[in-house]
PDB file of N, CA and C in Angstrom:
ATOM      1  N   MET A   1       9.840  35.584  78.688  1.00  0.00           N
ATOM      2  CA  MET A   1      10.679  35.213  78.118  1.00  0.00           C
ATOM      3  C   MET A   1      10.958  36.302  76.649  1.00  0.00           C
ATOM      4  N   LYS A   2      11.796  36.568  76.215  1.00  0.00           N
ATOM      5  CA  LYS A   2      11.888  37.477  75.524  1.00  0.00           C
ATOM      6  C   LYS A   2      13.358  36.746  74.233  1.00  0.00           C
ATOM      7  N   GLY A   3      13.234  37.417  73.031  1.00  0.00           N
ATOM      8  CA  GLY A   3      13.651  37.028  72.080  1.00  0.00           C
ATOM      9  C   GLY A   3      14.733  37.833  71.254  1.00  0.00           C
ATOM     10  N   ILE A   4      15.929  37.645  71.173  1.00  0.00           N
ATOM     11  CA  ILE A   4      16.705  38.580  70.567  1.00  0.00           C
ATOM     12  C   ILE A   4      17.265  38.140  69.041  1.00  0.00           C
ATOM     13  N   ILE A   5      17.245  38.737  67.893  1.00  0.00           N
ATOM     14  CA  ILE A   5      17.547  38.384  66.614  1.00  0.00           C
ATOM     15  C   ILE A   5      18.785  39.450  66.464  1.00  0.00           C
ATOM     16  N   VAL A   6      19.734  39.093  65.685  1.00  0.00           N
ATOM     17  CA  VAL A   6      20.981  39.697  65.712  1.00  0.00           C
ATOM     18  C   VAL A   6      21.140  39.538  63.863  1.00  0.00           C
ATOM     19  N   TYR A   7      21.330  40.841  63.356  1.00  0.00           N
ATOM     20  CA  TYR A   7      21.861  40.690  61.824  1.00  0.00           C
ATOM     21  C   TYR A   7      22.784  41.619  61.817  1.00  0.00           C
ATOM     22  N   SER A   8      23.673  41.413  60.534  1.00  0.00           N
ATOM     23  CA  SER A   8      24.653  42.569  60.358  1.00  0.00           C
ATOM     24  C   SER A   8      24.447  43.600  59.382  1.00  0.00           C
ATOM     25  N   LEU A   9      24.701  44.554  59.780  1.00  0.00           N
ATOM     26  CA  LEU A   9      24.522  45.913  58.877  1.00  0.00           C
ATOM     27  C   LEU A   9      25.411  46.080  57.515  1.00  0.00           C
ATOM     28  N   GLU A  10      26.271  45.226  57.771  1.00  0.00           N
ATOM     29  CA  GLU A  10      27.591  45.302  56.701  1.00  0.00           C
ATOM     30  C   GLU A  10      26.681  45.385  55.155  1.00  0.00           C
ATOM     31  N   ASP A  11      27.418  45.795  54.646  1.00  0.00           N
ATOM     32  CA  ASP A  11      26.773  46.312  53.038  1.00  0.00           C
ATOM     33  C   ASP A  11      27.580  44.817  52.150  1.00  0.00           C
ATOM     34  N   ASN A  12      27.684  44.081  52.568  1.00  0.00           N
ATOM     35  CA  ASN A  12      27.997  42.831  51.909  1.00  0.00           C
ATOM     36  C   ASN A  12      27.548  41.418  51.827  1.00  0.00           C
ATOM     37  N   GLU A  13      28.015  40.369  51.469  1.00  0.00           N
ATOM     38  CA  GLU A  13      26.912  39.388  51.352  1.00  0.00           C
ATOM     39  C   GLU A  13      26.673  38.749  52.876  1.00  0.00           C
ATOM     40  N   LEU A  14      27.662  38.776  53.760  1.00  0.00           N
ATOM     41  CA  LEU A  14      27.424  38.650  55.161  1.00  0.00           C
ATOM     42  C   LEU A  14      25.960  38.960  55.719  1.00  0.00           C
ATOM     43  N   GLY A  15      26.017  40.705  55.496  1.00  0.00           N
ATOM     44  CA  GLY A  15      24.922  41.423  55.901  1.00  0.00           C
ATOM     45  C   GLY A  15      23.710  41.117  55.221  1.00  0.00           C
ATOM     46  N   LYS A  16      23.749  40.902  53.764  1.00  0.00           N
ATOM     47  CA  LYS A  16      22.491  40.752  52.854  1.00  0.00           C
ATOM     48  C   LYS A  16      21.922  39.402  53.251  1.00  0.00           C
ATOM     49  N   ASN A  17      22.694  38.413  53.356  1.00  0.00           N
ATOM     50  CA  ASN A  17      22.126  36.813  54.016  1.00  0.00           C
ATOM     51  C   ASN A  17      21.764  37.229  55.416  1.00  0.00           C
ATOM     52  N   SER A  18      22.403  37.719  55.977  1.00  0.00           N
ATOM     53  CA  SER A  18      21.616  37.744  57.655  1.00  0.00           C
ATOM     54  C   SER A  18      20.282  38.670  57.570  1.00  0.00           C
ATOM     55  N   PHE A  19      20.271  39.488  56.918  1.00  0.00           N
ATOM     56  CA  PHE A  19      18.909  40.268  56.607  1.00  0.00           C
ATOM     57  C   PHE A  19      17.860  39.382  56.384  1.00  0.00           C
ATOM     58  N   LYS A  20      18.387  38.601  55.220  1.00  0.00           N
ATOM     59  CA  LYS A  20      17.560  37.585  54.766  1.00  0.00           C
ATOM     60  C   LYS A  20      16.721  36.498  55.606  1.00  0.00           C
ATOM     61  N   HIS A  21      17.638  36.133  56.513  1.00  0.00           N
ATOM     62  CA  HIS A  21      17.514  35.063  57.616  1.00  0.00           C
ATOM     63  C   HIS A  21      16.602  35.346  58.606  1.00  0.00           C
ATOM     64  N   ILE A  22      16.225  36.895  58.739  1.00  0.00           N
ATOM     65  CA  ILE A  22      15.583  37.379  60.081  1.00  0.00           C
ATOM     66  C   ILE A  22      14.149  36.615  60.306  1.00  0.00           C
ATOM     67  N   GLU A  23      13.308  36.370  59.114  1.00  0.00           N
ATOM     68  CA  GLU A  23      12.109  35.837  59.287  1.00  0.00           C
ATOM     69  C   GLU A  23      12.191  34.474  59.730  1.00  0.00           C
ATOM     70  N   ASP A  24      12.997  33.716  58.967  1.00  0.00           N
ATOM     71  CA  ASP A  24      13.501  32.286  59.422  1.00  0.00           C
ATOM     72  C   ASP A  24      13.781  32.048  60.601  1.00  0.00           C
ATOM     73  N   TRP A  25      14.689  33.005  61.391  1.00  0.00           N
ATOM     74  CA  TRP A  25      15.042  33.178  62.638  1.00  0.00           C
ATOM     75  C   TRP A  25      13.690  33.174  63.586  1.00  0.00           C
ATOM     76  N   TYR A  26      12.975  33.852  63.259  1.00  0.00           N
ATOM     77  CA  TYR A  26      11.955  34.476  63.962  1.00  0.00           C
ATOM     78  C   TYR A  26      10.951  33.528  63.849  1.00  0.00           C
ATOM     79  N   LYS A  27      10.907  32.348  62.549  1.00  0.00           N
ATOM     80  CA  LYS A  27      10.043  31.439  62.577  1.00  0.00           C
ATOM     81  C   LYS A  27      10.602  30.074  63.805  1.00  0.00           C
ATOM     82  N   ASP A  28      11.774  30.173  63.522  1.00  0.00           N
ATOM     83  CA  ASP A  28      12.187  29.173  64.670  1.00  0.00           C
ATOM     84  C   ASP A  28      11.902  29.729  65.846  1.00  0.00           C
ATOM     85  N   ILE A  29      11.910  30.516  66.378  1.00  0.00           N
ATOM     86  CA  ILE A  29      11.945  31.052  67.817  1.00  0.00           C
ATOM     87  C   ILE A  29      10.460  30.884  68.206  1.00  0.00           C
ATOM     88  N   THR A  30       9.324  31.071  67.300  1.00  0.00           N
ATOM     89  CA  THR A  30       7.839  30.816  67.326  1.00  0.00           C
ATOM     90  C   THR A  30       7.792  29.609  67.705  1.00  0.00           C
ATOM     91  N   GLU A  31       8.538  28.645  66.797  1.00  0.00           N
ATOM     92  CA  GLU A  31       8.072  27.360  66.811  1.00  0.00           C
ATOM     93  C   GLU A  31       8.486  26.512  68.114  1.00  0.00           C
ATOM     94  N   HIS A  32       9.864  27.131  68.734  1.00  0.00           N
ATOM     95  CA  HIS A  32      10.140  26.506  69.869  1.00  0.00           C
ATOM     96  C   HIS A  32       9.633  27.252  71.259  1.00  0.00           C
ATOM     97  N   CYS A  33       9.289  28.428  70.827  1.00  0.00           N
ATOM     98  CA  CYS A  33       9.023  29.381  72.217  1.00  0.00           C
ATOM     99  C   CYS A  33       7.675  29.824  72.213  1.00  0.00           C
ATOM    100  N   GLY A  34       7.164  29.700  71.217  1.00  0.00           N
ATOM    101  CA  GLY A  34       5.457  30.404  71.014  1.00  0.00           C
ATOM    102  C   GLY A  34       5.840  32.042  70.820  1.00  0.00           C
ATOM    103  N   GLU A  35       4.680  32.482  70.771  1.00  0.00           N
ATOM    104  CA  GLU A  35       4.541  33.841  70.494  1.00  0.00           C
ATOM    105  C   GLU A  35       5.116  34.777  71.722  1.00  0.00           C
ATOM    106  N   ILE A  36       6.480  35.361  71.583  1.00  0.00           N
ATOM    107  CA  ILE A  36       7.429  35.780  72.652  1.00  0.00           C
ATOM    108  C   ILE A  36       7.920  37.331  72.046  1.00  0.00           C
ATOM    109  N   PRO A  37       7.691  38.139  73.128  1.00  0.00           N
ATOM    110  CA  PRO A  37       8.237  39.381  72.459  1.00  0.00           C
ATOM    111  C   PRO A  37       9.990  39.246  71.805  1.00  0.00           C
ATOM    112  N   VAL A  38      10.101  40.011  70.813  1.00  0.00           N
ATOM    113  CA  VAL A  38      11.190  40.185  70.023  1.00  0.00           C
ATOM    114  C   VAL A  38      12.004  41.242  69.854  1.00  0.00           C
ATOM    115  N   VAL A  39      13.412  41.386  69.867  1.00  0.00           N
ATOM    116  CA  VAL A  39      13.927  42.574  69.409  1.00  0.00           C
ATOM    117  C   VAL A  39      15.084  42.248  68.566  1.00  0.00           C
ATOM    118  N   ILE A  40      15.226  43.401  67.557  1.00  0.00           N
ATOM    119  CA  ILE A  40      16.109  42.976  66.370  1.00  0.00           C
ATOM    120  C   ILE A  40      17.436  43.922  67.158  1.00  0.00           C
ATOM    121  N   PHE A  41      18.575  43.193  66.825  1.00  0.00           N
ATOM    122  CA  PHE A  41      19.784  44.233  67.264  1.00  0.00           C
ATOM    123  C   PHE A  41      20.444  44.236  65.608  1.00  0.00           C
ATOM    124  N   ALA A  42      20.647  45.163  64.991  1.00  0.00           N
ATOM    125  CA  ALA A  42      20.865  45.381  63.658  1.00  0.00           C
ATOM    126  C   ALA A  42      22.704  45.850  64.250  1.00  0.00           C
ATOM    127  N   ASN A  43      23.586  44.897  63.824  1.00  0.00           N
ATOM    128  CA  ASN A  43      25.084  44.903  64.818  1.00  0.00           C
ATOM    129  C   ASN A  43      25.853  45.207  63.519  1.00  0.00           C
ATOM    130  N   LYS A  44      27.215  45.434  64.187  1.00  0.00           N
ATOM    131  CA  LYS A  44      28.148  46.003  63.229  1.00  0.00           C
ATOM    132  C   LYS A  44      28.112  47.300  62.768  1.00  0.00           C
ATOM    133  N   LEU A  45      27.347  48.364  63.495  1.00  0.00           N
ATOM    134  CA  LEU A  45      27.329  49.703  63.394  1.00  0.00           C
ATOM    135  C   LEU A  45      28.444  50.134  63.258  1.00  0.00           C
ATOM    136  N   ASP A  46      29.636  49.881  63.996  1.00  0.00           N
ATOM    137  CA  ASP A  46      30.994  50.324  63.811  1.00  0.00           C
ATOM    138  C   ASP A  46      31.883  50.178  62.602  1.00  0.00           C
ATOM    139  N   LEU A  47      31.161  49.333  61.634  1.00  0.00           N
ATOM    140  CA  LEU A  47      31.738  48.955  60.095  1.00  0.00           C
ATOM    141  C   LEU A  47      31.062  49.567  59.049  1.00  0.00           C
ATOM    142  N   VAL A  48      29.905  50.723  59.365  1.00  0.00           N
ATOM    143  CA  VAL A  48      29.050  50.789  58.494  1.00  0.00           C
ATOM    144  C   VAL A  48      29.076  52.705  58.458  1.00  0.00           C
ATOM    145  N   GLU A  49      28.733  53.391  57.512  1.00  0.00           N
ATOM    146  CA  GLU A  49      28.524  54.760  58.144  1.00  0.00           C
ATOM    147  C   GLU A  49      27.224  55.208  58.436  1.00  0.00           C
ATOM    148  N   HIS A  50      27.020  56.049  59.399  1.00  0.00           N
ATOM    149  CA  HIS A  50      26.113  56.065  60.239  1.00  0.00           C
ATOM    150  C   HIS A  50      24.635  56.167  59.297  1.00  0.00           C
ATOM    151  N   ASN A  51      24.857  56.992  58.308  1.00  0.00           N
ATOM    152  CA  ASN A  51      23.530  57.426  57.854  1.00  0.00           C
ATOM    153  C   ASN A  51      23.328  56.406  56.423  1.00  0.00           C
ATOM    154  N   SER A  52      24.194  55.664  56.403  1.00  0.00           N
ATOM    155  CA  SER A  52      23.713  54.778  54.972  1.00  0.00           C
ATOM    156  C   SER A  52      23.162  53.771  54.783  1.00  0.00           C
ATOM    157  N   SER A  53      22.766  53.289  55.977  1.00  0.00           N
ATOM    158  CA  SER A  53      21.513  52.331  55.956  1.00  0.00           C
ATOM    159  C   SER A  53      20.392  52.894  55.898  1.00  0.00           C
ATOM    160  N   ASP A  54      19.577  52.063  55.208  1.00  0.00           N
ATOM    161  CA  ASP A  54      17.851  52.253  55.170  1.00  0.00           C
ATOM    162  C   ASP A  54      17.090  51.597  55.940  1.00  0.00           C
ATOM    163  N   ASP A  55      16.261  52.268  56.558  1.00  0.00           N
ATOM    164  CA  ASP A  55      15.826  51.414  57.636  1.00  0.00           C
ATOM    165  C   ASP A  55      14.368  51.347  57.407  1.00  0.00           C
ATOM    166  N   SER A  56      14.089  51.224  56.282  1.00  0.00           N
ATOM    167  CA  SER A  56      12.495  51.198  55.809  1.00  0.00           C
ATOM    168  C   SER A  56      12.423  49.364  55.928  1.00  0.00           C
ATOM    169  N   LYS A  57      13.243  48.867  55.287  1.00  0.00           N
ATOM    170  CA  LYS A  57      13.185  47.442  55.068  1.00  0.00           C
ATOM    171  C   LYS A  57      13.067  46.931  56.586  1.00  0.00           C
ATOM    172  N   ILE A  58      13.730  47.174  57.445  1.00  0.00           N
ATOM    173  CA  ILE A  58      13.669  46.459  58.775  1.00  0.00           C
ATOM    174  C   ILE A  58      12.612  47.021  59.346  1.00  0.00           C
ATOM    175  N   GLN A  59      12.157  48.274  59.506  1.00  0.00           N
ATOM    176  CA  GLN A  59      11.131  48.592  60.170  1.00  0.00           C
ATOM    177  C   GLN A  59       9.807  47.916  59.730  1.00  0.00           C
ATOM    178  N   LYS A  60       9.774  47.612  58.391  1.00  0.00           N
ATOM    179  CA  LYS A  60       8.614  46.866  57.844  1.00  0.00           C
ATOM    180  C   LYS A  60       8.415  45.746  58.453  1.00  0.00           C
ATOM    181  N   LEU A  61       9.478  44.772  58.806  1.00  0.00           N
ATOM    182  CA  LEU A  61       9.304  43.548  59.389  1.00  0.00           C
ATOM    183  C   LEU A  61       9.070  43.684  60.899  1.00  0.00           C
ATOM    184  N   VAL A  62       9.688  44.807  61.587  1.00  0.00           N
ATOM    185  CA  VAL A  62       9.360  45.225  62.668  1.00  0.00           C
ATOM    186  C   VAL A  62       8.057  45.389  63.144  1.00  0.00           C
ATOM    187  N   ASP A  63       7.196  46.240  62.200  1.00  0.00           N
ATOM    188  CA  ASP A  63       5.845  46.429  62.042  1.00  0.00           C
ATOM    189  C   ASP A  63       4.985  45.005  61.887  1.00  0.00           C
ATOM    190  N   LYS A  64       5.500  44.435  60.948  1.00  0.00           N
ATOM    191  CA  LYS A  64       5.023  43.028  60.543  1.00  0.00           C
ATOM    192  C   LYS A  64       4.726  41.951  61.648  1.00  0.00           C
ATOM    193  N   HIS A  65       5.813  41.902  62.328  1.00  0.00           N
ATOM    194  CA  HIS A  65       5.769  40.772  63.374  1.00  0.00           C
ATOM    195  C   HIS A  65       5.513  41.346  64.845  1.00  0.00           C
ATOM    196  N   LYS A  66       5.473  42.650  64.907  1.00  0.00           N
ATOM    197  CA  LYS A  66       5.194  43.349  66.341  1.00  0.00           C
ATOM    198  C   LYS A  66       6.212  43.124  67.125  1.00  0.00           C
ATOM    199  N   PHE A  67       7.557  43.357  66.424  1.00  0.00           N
ATOM    200  CA  PHE A  67       8.580  43.431  67.237  1.00  0.00           C
ATOM    201  C   PHE A  67       8.823  44.212  68.449  1.00  0.00           C
ATOM    202  N   LEU A  68       9.585  44.405  69.392  1.00  0.00           N
ATOM    203  CA  LEU A  68       9.462  45.213  70.434  1.00  0.00           C
ATOM    204  C   LEU A  68      10.284  46.336  69.683  1.00  0.00           C
ATOM    205  N   GLY A  69      11.058  46.479  68.732  1.00  0.00           N
ATOM    206  CA  GLY A  69      11.884  47.420  67.865  1.00  0.00           C
ATOM    207  C   GLY A  69      13.361  46.731  67.618  1.00  0.00           C
ATOM    208  N   PHE A  70      13.903  47.846  66.556  1.00  0.00           N
ATOM    209  CA  PHE A  70      15.355  47.538  66.377  1.00  0.00           C
ATOM    210  C   PHE A  70      16.522  48.549  66.556  1.00  0.00           C
ATOM    211  N   TYR A  71      17.441  48.002  66.931  1.00  0.00           N
ATOM    212  CA  TYR A  71      18.295  48.839  67.572  1.00  0.00           C
ATOM    213  C   TYR A  71      19.535  48.764  66.829  1.00  0.00           C
ATOM    214  N   LYS A  72      20.209  50.159  66.400  1.00  0.00           N
ATOM    215  CA  LYS A  72      21.731  49.475  65.684  1.00  0.00           C
ATOM    216  C   LYS A  72      22.689  49.560  66.927  1.00  0.00           C
ATOM    217  N   THR A  73      23.396  48.125  66.616  1.00  0.00           N
ATOM    218  CA  THR A  73      24.740  48.239  67.750  1.00  0.00           C
ATOM    219  C   THR A  73      25.718  47.719  67.274  1.00  0.00           C
ATOM    220  N   SER A  74      26.788  48.170  68.282  1.00  0.00           N
ATOM    221  CA  SER A  74      28.026  47.496  67.660  1.00  0.00           C
ATOM    222  C   SER A  74      28.493  46.760  69.098  1.00  0.00           C
ATOM    223  N   ALA A  75      28.833  45.242  68.586  1.00  0.00           N
ATOM    224  CA  ALA A  75      29.491  44.610  69.818  1.00  0.00           C
ATOM    225  C   ALA A  75      30.839  45.245  70.244  1.00  0.00           C
ATOM    226  N   MET A  76      31.682  45.517  69.218  1.00  0.00           N
ATOM    227  CA  MET A  76      32.666  45.906  69.501  1.00  0.00           C
ATOM    228  C   MET A  76      32.742  47.232  70.415  1.00  0.00           C
ATOM    229  N   THR A  77      32.051  48.353  69.947  1.00  0.00           N
ATOM    230  CA  THR A  77      31.876  49.497  70.955  1.00  0.00           C
ATOM    231  C   THR A  77      31.086  49.620  71.806  1.00  0.00           C
ATOM    232  N   GLY A  78      29.862  49.045  71.682  1.00  0.00           N
ATOM    233  CA  GLY A  78      29.063  48.763  72.938  1.00  0.00           C
ATOM    234  C   GLY A  78      27.759  49.956  72.621  1.00  0.00           C
ATOM    235  N   ALA A  79      28.191  50.432  71.525  1.00  0.00           N
ATOM    236  CA  ALA A  79      26.885  51.240  70.810  1.00  0.00           C
ATOM    237  C   ALA A  79      25.623  50.701  70.679  1.00  0.00           C
ATOM    238  N   GLY A  80      24.884  51.703  71.344  1.00  0.00           N
ATOM    239  CA  GLY A  80      23.415  51.313  71.205  1.00  0.00           C
ATOM    240  C   GLY A  80      22.829  49.695  71.914  1.00  0.00           C
ATOM    241  N   VAL A  81      23.625  49.142  72.669  1.00  0.00           N
ATOM    242  CA  VAL A  81      23.466  47.730  73.416  1.00  0.00           C
ATOM    243  C   VAL A  81      23.039  48.257  74.546  1.00  0.00           C
ATOM    244  N   ILE A  82      23.438  49.037  75.460  1.00  0.00           N
ATOM    245  CA  ILE A  82      22.622  49.540  76.339  1.00  0.00           C
ATOM    246  C   ILE A  82      20.872  49.829  76.484  1.00  0.00           C
ATOM    247  N   LYS A  83      20.941  50.647  75.317  1.00  0.00           N
ATOM    248  CA  LYS A  83      19.414  50.874  75.023  1.00  0.00           C
ATOM    249  C   LYS A  83      18.579  49.989  74.676  1.00  0.00           C
ATOM    250  N   ALA A  84      19.154  48.917  73.741  1.00  0.00           N
ATOM    251  CA  ALA A  84      18.412  47.811  73.550  1.00  0.00           C
ATOM    252  C   ALA A  84      17.923  46.897  74.238  1.00  0.00           C
ATOM    253  N   PHE A  85      19.165  46.554  75.295  1.00  0.00           N
ATOM    254  CA  PHE A  85      18.875  45.821  76.787  1.00  0.00           C
ATOM    255  C   PHE A  85      17.964  46.456  77.741  1.00  0.00           C
ATOM    256  N   ASN A  86      18.111  47.805  77.857  1.00  0.00           N
ATOM    257  CA  ASN A  86      17.025  48.468  78.601  1.00  0.00           C
ATOM    258  C   ASN A  86      15.708  48.610  78.091  1.00  0.00           C
ATOM    259  N   THR A  87      15.429  48.444  76.798  1.00  0.00           N
ATOM    260  CA  THR A  87      14.040  48.168  76.194  1.00  0.00           C
ATOM    261  C   THR A  87      13.694  47.031  76.829  1.00  0.00           C
ATOM    262  N   LEU A  88      14.331  45.872  76.858  1.00  0.00           N
ATOM    263  CA  LEU A  88      13.986  44.436  76.977  1.00  0.00           C
ATOM    264  C   LEU A  88      13.756  44.228  78.731  1.00  0.00           C
ATOM    265  N   ILE A  89      14.378  45.021  79.562  1.00  0.00           N
ATOM    266  CA  ILE A  89      14.383  45.052  80.882  1.00  0.00           C
ATOM    267  C   ILE A  89      13.117  45.847  81.524  1.00  0.00           C
ATOM    268  N   GLU A  90      12.385  46.994  80.466  1.00  0.00           N
ATOM    269  CA  GLU A  90      11.677  47.585  80.939  1.00  0.00           C
ATOM    270  C   GLU A  90      10.347  47.131  80.766  1.00  0.00           C
ATOM    271  N   ASN A  91      10.632  46.155  79.388  1.00  0.00           N
ATOM    272  CA  ASN A  91       9.116  45.481  79.097  1.00  0.00           C
ATOM    273  C   ASN A  91       9.077  44.299  79.940  1.00  0.00           C
ATOM    274  N   LEU A  92      10.038  43.375  80.415  1.00  0.00           N
ATOM    275  CA  LEU A  92       9.778  42.451  81.175  1.00  0.00           C
ATOM    276  C   LEU A  92       9.431  43.295  82.646  1.00  0.00           C
ATOM    277  N   TYR A  93      10.106  44.274  83.353  1.00  0.00           N
ATOM    278  CA  TYR A  93       9.461  44.940  84.254  1.00  0.00           C
ATOM    279  C   TYR A  93       8.092  45.048  84.361  1.00  0.00           C
ATOM    280  N   HIS A  94       7.510  45.687  83.580  1.00  0.00           N
ATOM    281  CA  HIS A  94       5.864  46.229  83.350  1.00  0.00           C
ATOM    282  C   HIS A  94       5.052  44.710  83.286  1.00  0.00           C
ATOM    283  N   LYS A  95       5.877  43.908  82.519  1.00  0.00           N
ATOM    284  CA  LYS A  95       4.945  42.359  82.594  1.00  0.00           C
ATOM    285  C   LYS A  95       5.078  41.919  84.008  1.00  0.00           C
ATOM    286  N   PHE A  96       6.035  41.837  84.503  1.00  0.00           N
ATOM    287  CA  PHE A  96       6.118  41.173  85.808  1.00  0.00           C
ATOM    288  C   PHE A  96       6.204  41.969  87.004  1.00  0.00           C
ATOM    289  N   LYS A  97       5.984  43.129  87.169  1.00  0.00           N
ATOM    290  CA  LYS A  97       6.059  43.782  88.329  1.00  0.00           C
ATOM    291  C   LYS A  97       5.250  43.558  89.350  1.00  0.00           C
ATOM    292  N   GLY A  98       3.761  42.927  88.893  1.00  0.00           N
ATOM    293  CA  GLY A  98       2.853  42.429  90.123  1.00  0.00           C
ATOM    294  C   GLY A  98       2.996  41.262  90.846  1.00  0.00           C
ATOM    295  N   LEU A  99       3.961  40.559  90.231  1.00  0.00           N
ATOM    296  CA  LEU A  99       3.815  39.051  90.631  1.00  0.00           C
ATOM    297  C   LEU A  99       4.376  38.758  91.867  1.00  0.00           C
ATOM    298  N   SER A 100       5.581  39.649  92.154  1.00  0.00           N
ATOM    299  CA  SER A 100       6.377  39.467  93.290  1.00  0.00           C
ATOM    300  C   SER A 100       5.598  39.467  94.236  1.00  0.00           C
ATOM    301  N   SER A 101       4.571  40.516  94.452  1.00  0.00           N
ATOM    302  CA  SER A 101       3.946  40.881  95.692  1.00  0.00           C
ATOM    303  C   SER A 101       2.906  39.719  96.162  1.00  0.00           C
ATOM    304  N   LYS A 102       2.956  38.986  95.048  1.00  0.00           N
ATOM    305  CA  LYS A 102       1.705  37.819  95.330  1.00  0.00           C
ATOM    306  C   LYS A 102       2.140  36.399  95.435  1.00  0.00           C
ATOM    307  N   SER A 103       3.367  36.300  95.921  1.00  0.00           N
ATOM    308  CA  SER A 103       3.675  35.182  96.491  1.00  0.00           C
ATOM    309  C   SER A 103       3.700  35.213  97.939  1.00  0.00           C
TER     310      SER A 103
END
C-alpha cells in the first residue's frame, strides 16, 4: 500500500491552506493505514511560474517524514504525473518482486 498526498502550488489562500494540511493528512493516513510509504504531489504546476516556488518547505516535510519524494505536477497538462507514478511503481516492484515466485 502507498499513500499520495496532493496539495496546490497556487500562491493564494487555497494553496497556502492545502500546504498547511499536509501533516494533518499524513497523520490521517498513518492513523488508518499505519506507516506506509507516501509521495507528495505538488499540483497545479500549470498555474504557477516554474521557478517561483520555494521547495525548501516541502523538502523539509519530505525529509522529516521520510516521504518517497515530492513531484511538481499538473492534473490538467499531465506534467510530472508519469514520473511521480513511476516512482511509486518502482518502489512497489522492488518491495514485492520476490513474492510472485514463492506461490
